[in-house]
Amino acid sequence: MEEYQAPVEQNKTQTVSRLKIFLAILFILLLLGVFNYFNIFSISNFFPKQLDWLPKQTAEQKKLPYTPAKPTLAPTSTVFNYDTEKAKTLFTQYIKDTIKPELLPANLDIKQGLSIDGRIENMQDEFGSIFTSNNSTISANFHYTTNSNSKNDFEIFIQLTNISQTNATAFLANTLLSSYFISPYSMSECQTRATSSSCENFQTISDGKKGYGMIITKSTPIIFSCFIPKESKDYDNAKSCFGE
């Protein structure tokens, strides 16, 4: 004899079965909708009249998100590191070999970038020292060859503030040069041009070119000396302490 099943229990079982079927159909429809949207399986293409209303991803939406290009950095220029200790040693020795020792300060203050006229410049290959002695201002300068630790030039200018003179003479030049420099060259003649008067003796020696002289501008005498070593880029063309 068959077991009797109550109508209420039968209804519950049928309802659960229908719900499962509904959920399965709904899942399939949603899955097909997703496939259709991303054009993985486009059912709207098979039934355009009935399913053309289904949403689909456009070509613009398919594009990858915009990623800005990284800026191309220009190569950084390499800054040459000049040997400051070597410069100070060479420069100090040149000054001591050129100027009479009694005129030198106990300690030479050498600054990188200090020009011959006392300005601080953005020139790392330049070194300078300025001091006063015997009623005069002594300015010394040294340069490396650009981007190199090779000597390029040395120079000393001494402005005599206690002397007023209009024209340079060999006698005056020799007197002043021998008062400040250890072994200056002798002047034989001087020249006057426009607003300046000068005399110079520039010679080629075993290790470079060296010069001594005097120039007068605005009635103020300035005596000078320079040395251009053979390794200098200016050596071949140098004909004076003031260049070619």
C-alpha atoms as a PDB file:
ATOM      1  CA  MET A   1       0.000   0.000   0.000  1.00  0.00           C
ATOM      2  CA  GLU A   2       1.443   3.386  -1.089  1.00  0.00           C
ATOM      3  CA  GLU A   3       2.364   5.854   1.608  1.00  0.00           C
ATOM      4  CA  TYR A   4       0.044   8.774   1.771  1.00  0.00           C
ATOM      5  CA  GLN A   5       1.677  12.209   1.136  1.00  0.00           C
ATOM      6  CA  ALA A   6      -0.055  15.271   2.395  1.00  0.00           C
ATOM      7  CA  PRO A   7      -0.934  17.965  -0.204  1.00  0.00           C
ATOM      8  CA  VAL A   8       0.948  20.642   1.783  1.00  0.00           C
ATOM      9  CA  GLU A   9       4.222  18.752   1.581  1.00  0.00           C
ATOM     10  CA  GLN A  10       3.729  18.152  -2.149  1.00  0.00           C
ATOM     11  CA  ASN A  11       3.173  21.874  -2.707  1.00  0.00           C
ATOM     12  CA  LYS A  12       6.381  22.756  -0.798  1.00  0.00           C
ATOM     13  CA  THR A  13       8.433  20.334  -2.862  1.00  0.00           C
ATOM     14  CA  GLN A  14       7.014  21.677  -6.106  1.00  0.00           C
ATOM     15  CA  THR A  15       7.691  25.272  -5.030  1.00  0.00           C
ATOM     16  CA  VAL A  16      11.343  24.525  -4.170  1.00  0.00           C
ATOM     17  CA  SER A  17      11.845  22.743  -7.484  1.00  0.00           C
ATOM     18  CA  ARG A  18      10.339  25.617  -9.413  1.00  0.00           C
ATOM     19  CA  LEU A  19      12.525  28.119  -7.500  1.00  0.00           C
ATOM     20  CA  LYS A  20      15.651  26.133  -8.349  1.00  0.00           C
ATOM     21  CA  ILE A  21      14.661  25.974 -11.988  1.00  0.00           C
ATOM     22  CA  PHE A  22      13.932  29.727 -12.002  1.00  0.00           C
ATOM     23  CA  LEU A  23      17.284  30.543 -10.410  1.00  0.00           C
ATOM     24  CA  ALA A  24      19.115  28.296 -12.873  1.00  0.00           C
ATOM     25  CA  ILE A  25      17.371  29.955 -15.807  1.00  0.00           C
ATOM     26  CA  LEU A  26      18.074  33.406 -14.351  1.00  0.00           C
ATOM     27  CA  PHE A  27      21.770  32.545 -13.884  1.00  0.00           C
ATOM     28  CA  ILE A  28      22.008  31.315 -17.471  1.00  0.00           C
ATOM     29  CA  LEU A  29      20.308  34.462 -18.754  1.00  0.00           C
ATOM     30  CA  LEU A  30      22.631  36.693 -16.738  1.00  0.00           C
ATOM     31  CA  LEU A  31      25.642  34.734 -17.967  1.00  0.00           C
ATOM     32  CA  LEU A  32      24.476  35.060 -21.553  1.00  0.00           C
ATOM     33  CA  GLY A  33      23.941  38.784 -20.949  1.00  0.00           C
ATOM     34  CA  VAL A  34      27.507  39.164 -19.714  1.00  0.00           C
ATOM     35  CA  PHE A  35      28.882  37.180 -22.647  1.00  0.00           C
ATOM     36  CA  ASN A  36      26.790  39.303 -24.997  1.00  0.00           C
ATOM     37  CA  TYR A  37      27.994  42.580 -23.385  1.00  0.00           C
ATOM     38  CA  PHE A  38      31.669  41.713 -23.723  1.00  0.00           C
ATOM     39  CA  ASN A  39      31.137  40.131 -27.191  1.00  0.00           C
ATOM     40  CA  ILE A  40      32.338  36.761 -25.939  1.00  0.00           C
ATOM     41  CA  PHE A  41      29.188  35.038 -27.192  1.00  0.00           C
ATOM     42  CA  SER A  42      26.943  37.651 -28.772  1.00  0.00           C
ATOM     43  CA  ILE A  43      23.451  36.179 -28.820  1.00  0.00           C
ATOM     44  CA  SER A  44      22.039  39.543 -29.979  1.00  0.00           C
ATOM     45  CA  ASN A  45      23.842  38.963 -33.298  1.00  0.00           C
ATOM     46  CA  PHE A  46      21.964  35.684 -33.779  1.00  0.00           C
ATOM     47  CA  PHE A  47      18.580  37.206 -32.952  1.00  0.00           C
ATOM     48  CA  PRO A  48      18.955  40.900 -33.846  1.00  0.00           C
ATOM     49  CA  LYS A  49      15.234  41.570 -34.102  1.00  0.00           C
ATOM     50  CA  GLN A  50      14.380  40.100 -30.742  1.00  0.00           C
ATOM     51  CA  LEU A  51      17.572  40.790 -28.695  1.00  0.00           C
ATOM     52  CA  ASP A  52      19.083  43.892 -30.255  1.00  0.00           C
ATOM     53  CA  TRP A  53      18.060  45.825 -27.127  1.00  0.00           C
ATOM     54  CA  LEU A  54      20.636  44.001 -25.007  1.00  0.00           C
ATOM     55  CA  PRO A  55      23.513  46.275 -23.884  1.00  0.00           C
ATOM     56  CA  LYS A  56      26.905  45.748 -25.563  1.00  0.00           C
ATOM     57  CA  GLN A  57      30.317  47.174 -24.885  1.00  0.00           C
ATOM     58  CA  THR A  58      31.243  49.892 -27.397  1.00  0.00           C
ATOM     59  CA  ALA A  59      34.592  50.292 -29.141  1.00  0.00           C
ATOM     60  CA  GLU A  60      35.371  53.358 -27.018  1.00  0.00           C
ATOM     61  CA  GLN A  61      34.722  51.397 -23.829  1.00  0.00           C
ATOM     62  CA  LYS A  62      37.104  48.663 -24.996  1.00  0.00           C
ATOM     63  CA  LYS A  63      40.035  51.060 -25.044  1.00  0.00           C
ATOM     64  CA  LEU A  64      42.557  50.628 -22.290  1.00  0.00           C
ATOM     65  CA  PRO A  65      42.655  53.315 -19.618  1.00  0.00           C
ATOM     66  CA  TYR A  66      44.890  56.245 -20.638  1.00  0.00           C
ATOM     67  CA  THR A  67      48.330  56.025 -19.151  1.00  0.00           C
ATOM     68  CA  PRO A  68      50.389  59.183 -19.636  1.00  0.00           C
ATOM     69  CA  ALA A  69      53.793  58.558 -21.142  1.00  0.00           C
ATOM     70  CA  LYS A  70      56.669  59.025 -18.803  1.00  0.00           C
ATOM     71  CA  PRO A  71      58.629  62.147 -19.712  1.00  0.00           C
ATOM     72  CA  THR A  72      61.975  61.482 -21.289  1.00  0.00           C
ATOM     73  CA  LEU A  73      64.584  63.002 -19.065  1.00  0.00           C
ATOM     74  CA  ALA A  74      67.416  64.797 -20.769  1.00  0.00           C
ATOM     75  CA  PRO A  75      70.799  63.357 -19.860  1.00  0.00           C
ATOM     76  CA  THR A  76      72.335  65.282 -17.016  1.00  0.00           C
ATOM     77  CA  SER A  77      75.572  66.979 -17.840  1.00  0.00           C
ATOM     78  CA  THR A  78      78.523  65.669 -15.946  1.00  0.00           C
ATOM     79  CA  VAL A  79      80.145  68.268 -13.708  1.00  0.00           C
ATOM     80  CA  PHE A  80      83.915  67.981 -13.713  1.00  0.00           C
ATOM     81  CA  ASN A  81      85.450  67.835 -10.263  1.00  0.00           C
ATOM     82  CA  TYR A  82      88.544  70.011 -10.204  1.00  0.00           C
ATOM     83  CA  ASP A  83      91.342  69.064  -7.834  1.00  0.00           C
ATOM     84  CA  THR A  84      91.141  72.021  -5.459  1.00  0.00           C
ATOM     85  CA  GLU A  85      93.996  70.859  -3.249  1.00  0.00           C
ATOM     86  CA  LYS A  86      96.307  70.528  -6.226  1.00  0.00           C
ATOM     87  CA  ALA A  87      95.248  73.984  -7.423  1.00  0.00           C
ATOM     88  CA  LYS A  88      95.967  75.576  -4.060  1.00  0.00           C
ATOM     89  CA  THR A  89      99.373  73.888  -3.880  1.00  0.00           C
ATOM     90  CA  LEU A  90     100.396  74.971  -7.402  1.00  0.00           C
ATOM     91  CA  PHE A  91      98.987  78.462  -6.952  1.00  0.00           C
ATOM     92  CA  THR A  92     100.625  79.012  -3.567  1.00  0.00           C
ATOM     93  CA  GLN A  93     103.988  77.880  -4.897  1.00  0.00           C
ATOM     94  CA  TYR A  94     103.725  80.211  -7.910  1.00  0.00           C
ATOM     95  CA  ILE A  95     102.972  83.203  -5.687  1.00  0.00           C
ATOM     96  CA  LYS A  96     105.851  82.385  -3.331  1.00  0.00           C
ATOM     97  CA  ASP A  97     108.228  81.924  -6.274  1.00  0.00           C
ATOM     98  CA  THR A  98     107.212  85.245  -7.838  1.00  0.00           C
ATOM     99  CA  ILE A  99     106.480  87.819  -5.122  1.00  0.00           C
ATOM    100  CA  LYS A 100     109.041  88.853  -2.547  1.00  0.00           C
ATOM    101  CA  PRO A 101     108.412  86.953   0.690  1.00  0.00           C
ATOM    102  CA  GLU A 102     108.280  90.070   2.893  1.00  0.00           C
ATOM    103  CA  LEU A 103     105.199  91.215   0.997  1.00  0.00           C
ATOM    104  CA  LEU A 104     103.227  87.992   1.515  1.00  0.00           C
ATOM    105  CA  PRO A 105     100.713  87.413   4.324  1.00  0.00           C
ATOM    106  CA  ALA A 106     101.309  84.616   6.822  1.00  0.00           C
ATOM    107  CA  ASN A 107      98.471  82.612   5.242  1.00  0.00           C
ATOM    108  CA  LEU A 108      97.281  82.969   1.669  1.00  0.00           C
ATOM    109  CA  ASP A 109      93.493  82.955   1.367  1.00  0.00           C
ATOM    110  CA  ILE A 110      92.770  81.150  -1.912  1.00  0.00           C
ATOM    111  CA  LYS A 111      89.168  80.982  -3.119  1.00  0.00           C
ATOM    112  CA  GLN A 112      87.698  78.963  -5.962  1.00  0.00           C
ATOM    113  CA  GLY A 113      85.817  81.160  -8.445  1.00  0.00           C
ATOM    114  CA  LEU A 114      87.533  84.409  -7.365  1.00  0.00           C
ATOM    115  CA  SER A 115      88.397  86.511 -10.426  1.00  0.00           C
ATOM    116  CA  ILE A 116      91.400  88.801 -10.838  1.00  0.00           C
ATOM    117  CA  ASP A 117      89.217  91.848 -10.151  1.00  0.00           C
ATOM    118  CA  GLY A 118      87.733  90.443  -6.959  1.00  0.00           C
ATOM    119  CA  ARG A 119      84.396  89.146  -8.248  1.00  0.00           C
ATOM    120  CA  ILE A 120      83.109  85.702  -7.275  1.00  0.00           C
ATOM    121  CA  GLU A 121      82.196  83.935 -10.513  1.00  0.00           C
ATOM    122  CA  ASN A 122      80.649  80.579 -11.281  1.00  0.00           C
ATOM    123  CA  MET A 123      83.903  79.295 -12.746  1.00  0.00           C
ATOM    124  CA  GLN A 124      85.129  76.194 -10.962  1.00  0.00           C
ATOM    125  CA  ASP A 125      88.386  76.106 -12.954  1.00  0.00           C
ATOM    126  CA  GLU A 126      89.417  79.506 -11.551  1.00  0.00           C
ATOM    127  CA  PHE A 127      91.200  80.232  -8.266  1.00  0.00           C
ATOM    128  CA  GLY A 128      92.124  83.618  -6.841  1.00  0.00           C
ATOM    129  CA  SER A 129      93.732  85.402  -3.930  1.00  0.00           C
ATOM    130  CA  ILE A 130      93.630  89.110  -3.058  1.00  0.00           C
ATOM    131  CA  PHE A 131      95.545  90.857  -0.286  1.00  0.00           C
ATOM    132  CA  THR A 132      97.107  94.228   0.460  1.00  0.00           C
ATOM    133  CA  SER A 133     100.771  94.931   1.147  1.00  0.00           C
ATOM    134  CA  ASN A 134     103.062  97.966   1.066  1.00  0.00           C
ATOM    135  CA  ASN A 135     100.294 100.414   0.031  1.00  0.00           C
ATOM    136  CA  SER A 136      99.236  98.198  -2.860  1.00  0.00           C
ATOM    137  CA  THR A 137      96.539  95.695  -3.731  1.00  0.00           C
ATOM    138  CA  ILE A 138      97.887  92.358  -4.966  1.00  0.00           C
ATOM    139  CA  SER A 139      95.556  90.165  -7.014  1.00  0.00           C
ATOM    140  CA  ALA A 140      96.658  86.706  -8.121  1.00  0.00           C
ATOM    141  CA  ASN A 141      94.806  84.270 -10.329  1.00  0.00           C
ATOM    142  CA  PHE A 142      95.168  80.686 -11.527  1.00  0.00           C
ATOM    143  CA  HIS A 143      93.204  78.668 -14.090  1.00  0.00           C
ATOM    144  CA  TYR A 144      92.959  74.999 -14.878  1.00  0.00           C
ATOM    145  CA  THR A 145      92.319  74.025 -18.475  1.00  0.00           C
ATOM    146  CA  THR A 146      88.540  73.577 -18.753  1.00  0.00           C
ATOM    147  CA  ASN A 147      87.390  70.106 -17.625  1.00  0.00           C
ATOM    148  CA  SER A 148      90.943  69.126 -16.795  1.00  0.00           C
ATOM    149  CA  ASN A 149      93.347  69.247 -13.902  1.00  0.00           C
ATOM    150  CA  SER A 150      96.106  70.553 -16.162  1.00  0.00           C
ATOM    151  CA  LYS A 151      97.627  73.966 -15.464  1.00  0.00           C
ATOM    152  CA  ASN A 152      96.501  76.632 -17.914  1.00  0.00           C
ATOM    153  CA  ASP A 153      97.809  80.003 -16.656  1.00  0.00           C
ATOM    154  CA  PHE A 154      99.001  82.017 -13.655  1.00  0.00           C
ATOM    155  CA  GLU A 155      98.917  85.787 -13.294  1.00  0.00           C
ATOM    156  CA  ILE A 156      99.576  88.500 -10.732  1.00  0.00           C
ATOM    157  CA  PHE A 157      98.471  92.140 -10.877  1.00  0.00           C
ATOM    158  CA  ILE A 158      99.657  94.690  -8.316  1.00  0.00           C
ATOM    159  CA  GLN A 159      97.834  98.013  -8.206  1.00  0.00           C
ATOM    160  CA  LEU A 160      99.979 100.770  -6.678  1.00  0.00           C
ATOM    161  CA  THR A 161      97.592 103.146  -4.943  1.00  0.00           C
ATOM    162  CA  ASN A 162     100.249 105.503  -3.560  1.00  0.00           C
ATOM    163  CA  ILE A 163     101.732 106.467  -6.954  1.00  0.00           C
ATOM    164  CA  SER A 164     100.231 108.767  -9.569  1.00  0.00           C
ATOM    165  CA  GLN A 165     101.806 108.634 -13.021  1.00  0.00           C
ATOM    166  CA  THR A 166     100.548 109.481 -16.482  1.00  0.00           C
ATOM    167  CA  ASN A 167     103.035 107.732 -18.772  1.00  0.00           C
ATOM    168  CA  ALA A 168     104.983 104.511 -18.303  1.00  0.00           C
ATOM    169  CA  THR A 169     108.746 104.641 -18.553  1.00  0.00           C
ATOM    170  CA  ALA A 170     111.275 101.832 -18.528  1.00  0.00           C
ATOM    171  CA  PHE A 171     112.973 103.291 -15.464  1.00  0.00           C
ATOM    172  CA  LEU A 172     109.725 103.480 -13.459  1.00  0.00           C
ATOM    173  CA  ALA A 173     108.700 100.005 -14.562  1.00  0.00           C
ATOM    174  CA  ASN A 174     112.039  98.448 -13.603  1.00  0.00           C
ATOM    175  CA  THR A 175     112.013 100.214 -10.241  1.00  0.00           C
ATOM    176  CA  LEU A 176     108.510  99.044  -9.335  1.00  0.00           C
ATOM    177  CA  LEU A 177     108.918  95.513 -10.684  1.00  0.00           C
ATOM    178  CA  SER A 178     112.097  94.939  -8.688  1.00  0.00           C
ATOM    179  CA  SER A 179     110.377  96.241  -5.559  1.00  0.00           C
ATOM    180  CA  TYR A 180     107.691  93.564  -5.649  1.00  0.00           C
ATOM    181  CA  PHE A 181     108.891  90.609  -7.741  1.00  0.00           C
ATOM    182  CA  ILE A 182     111.800  88.283  -6.978  1.00  0.00           C
ATOM    183  CA  SER A 183     113.360  88.043 -10.459  1.00  0.00           C
ATOM    184  CA  PRO A 184     111.508  90.310 -12.913  1.00  0.00           C
ATOM    185  CA  TYR A 185     112.552  90.799 -16.514  1.00  0.00           C
ATOM    186  CA  SER A 186     114.061  94.171 -17.401  1.00  0.00           C
ATOM    187  CA  MET A 187     112.042  96.676 -19.440  1.00  0.00           C
ATOM    188  CA  SER A 188     113.792  98.524 -22.259  1.00  0.00           C
ATOM    189  CA  GLU A 189     110.949 100.605 -23.690  1.00  0.00           C
ATOM    190  CA  CYS A 190     107.312 101.482 -23.137  1.00  0.00           C
ATOM    191  CA  GLN A 191     104.468 102.502 -25.437  1.00  0.00           C
ATOM    192  CA  THR A 192     101.591 104.939 -25.071  1.00  0.00           C
ATOM    193  CA  ARG A 193      98.331 104.209 -26.878  1.00  0.00           C
ATOM    194  CA  ALA A 194      95.123 106.201 -26.465  1.00  0.00           C
ATOM    195  CA  THR A 195      94.353 106.310 -22.743  1.00  0.00           C
ATOM    196  CA  SER A 196      96.917 103.736 -21.578  1.00  0.00           C
ATOM    197  CA  SER A 197     100.669 103.488 -21.395  1.00  0.00           C
ATOM    198  CA  SER A 198     102.497 100.177 -20.986  1.00  0.00           C
ATOM    199  CA  CYS A 199     105.678  98.159 -21.254  1.00  0.00           C
ATOM    200  CA  GLU A 200     106.149  94.378 -21.217  1.00  0.00           C
ATOM    201  CA  ASN A 201     108.867  91.764 -21.581  1.00  0.00           C
ATOM    202  CA  PHE A 202     107.383  88.400 -22.581  1.00  0.00           C
ATOM    203  CA  GLN A 203     109.709  85.432 -23.089  1.00  0.00           C
ATOM    204  CA  THR A 204     109.690  81.724 -23.885  1.00  0.00           C
ATOM    205  CA  ILE A 205     111.463  79.666 -21.245  1.00  0.00           C
ATOM    206  CA  SER A 206     112.145  75.955 -20.750  1.00  0.00           C
ATOM    207  CA  ASP A 207     108.797  75.062 -19.160  1.00  0.00           C
ATOM    208  CA  GLY A 208     106.501  77.652 -20.714  1.00  0.00           C
ATOM    209  CA  LYS A 209     106.150  81.360 -21.390  1.00  0.00           C
ATOM    210  CA  LYS A 210     106.564  84.121 -18.805  1.00  0.00           C
ATOM    211  CA  GLY A 211     106.104  87.856 -18.815  1.00  0.00           C
ATOM    212  CA  TYR A 212     106.536  90.961 -16.651  1.00  0.00           C
ATOM    213  CA  GLY A 213     105.394  94.499 -17.272  1.00  0.00           C
ATOM    214  CA  MET A 214     103.562  97.628 -16.246  1.00  0.00           C
ATOM    215  CA  ILE A 215     100.452  99.372 -17.481  1.00  0.00           C
ATOM    216  CA  ILE A 216      99.109 102.797 -16.491  1.00  0.00           C
ATOM    217  CA  THR A 217      95.432 103.656 -16.840  1.00  0.00           C
ATOM    218  CA  LYS A 218      93.814 106.708 -15.233  1.00  0.00           C
ATOM    219  CA  SER A 219      97.195 107.679 -13.734  1.00  0.00           C
ATOM    220  CA  THR A 220      97.351 104.476 -11.638  1.00  0.00           C
ATOM    221  CA  PRO A 221     100.334 102.159 -12.291  1.00  0.00           C
ATOM    222  CA  ILE A 222      99.709  98.404 -12.291  1.00  0.00           C
ATOM    223  CA  ILE A 223     102.648  96.011 -12.502  1.00  0.00           C
ATOM    224  CA  PHE A 224     102.053  92.434 -13.522  1.00  0.00           C
ATOM    225  CA  SER A 225     103.527  89.018 -14.165  1.00  0.00           C
ATOM    226  CA  CYS A 226     102.181  85.899 -15.844  1.00  0.00           C
ATOM    227  CA  PHE A 227     103.206  82.338 -16.556  1.00  0.00           C
ATOM    228  CA  ILE A 228     101.741  80.046 -19.219  1.00  0.00           C
ATOM    229  CA  PRO A 229     102.995  76.451 -18.914  1.00  0.00           C
ATOM    230  CA  LYS A 230     103.649  74.277 -21.957  1.00  0.00           C
ATOM    231  CA  GLU A 231     100.652  72.091 -21.167  1.00  0.00           C
ATOM    232  CA  SER A 232      98.320  75.106 -21.435  1.00  0.00           C
ATOM    233  CA  LYS A 233      95.820  75.240 -24.277  1.00  0.00           C
ATOM    234  CA  ASP A 234      96.913  78.866 -24.776  1.00  0.00           C
ATOM    235  CA  TYR A 235     100.641  78.162 -24.943  1.00  0.00           C
ATOM    236  CA  ASP A 236     101.094  78.050 -28.742  1.00  0.00           C
ATOM    237  CA  ASN A 237      99.315  81.349 -29.427  1.00  0.00           C
ATOM    238  CA  ALA A 238     100.418  83.304 -26.350  1.00  0.00           C
ATOM    239  CA  LYS A 239     102.499  86.391 -27.231  1.00  0.00           C
ATOM    240  CA  SER A 240     101.713  88.515 -24.179  1.00  0.00           C
ATOM    241  CA  CYS A 241     100.294  88.311 -20.672  1.00  0.00           C
ATOM    242  CA  PHE A 242      97.165  89.819 -22.225  1.00  0.00           C
ATOM    243  CA  GLY A 243      96.715  87.080 -24.810  1.00  0.00           C
ATOM    244  CA  GLU A 244      97.766  86.968 -28.439  1.00  0.00           C
END
